[in-house]
Amino acid sequence: MAFPAEVLAEEEEVVLHLRPHWRTALRPGLLVLLAVVVCAVAWVMLPGTEGGRIAFLVVAAIMLYQGIRYGAAPLVIWRCTHYVLTGERILLQDGVIARERRDLPLNRVNDHVVTQSVLDRVFGTGTLKVDSIGEQAVVLNAVPRAQQVQTLLYELIEQDRLLHPDEDEEEAEPEVPVQRRGLFKRQN
């Protein structure tokens, strides 16, 4: 699924559009292949009698369930997950039938952390957690080139702060000088 352009504001441009790393789809793809191989072996190895056909149907039904549940469904979810960085916000969109989209404006980003396991470091992936002002957080799992994405995110945040310096600082009320007239005078 391509990321819909109508989600973006008029002047907003996509800086980076990612999906989770391809290794996320590797295990489900292998499970679909394994289910097909098991069905083919069962077809060849089981006898052509009535009992053999029933056994094949049982094996095929189990492999069909396993192939859909643990193979095809995760592949479709992987395909429908989008991580988008624009000049103004971070968008995380996922879901196949019911879709969920989270928007996090760059001017609200408080912190961003990349976590990488040993295997993540080998593949250059990582988990990017972006915290914002308030209780919001966005977690992007299996981000390809995680270190570079974090650096780009930092640059986008700084660029946004330079373009919109007024929005970062809340308007402070002018200080009223405190007059201490007669507060501590002794009364005789």
Foldseek 3Di string as FASTA:
>chain_A
DDDDPVVDDDPKDWPDKDFFDCVQQVVLQVLLVVLVVQLVCLVVPFDPDPVSVVVSVVSNVVSVVRNVPRHVVSVQQRVAWMWIDILFWTWTWTDDPDIDIDIGTLLFWDDKDWDADPVCVVQLFTWIWTDGPDGDIDIDHRTHNVVVVVVVSVVSSVVVCVVCVPVNDDDDDDDDDDDCPPVPDDDD
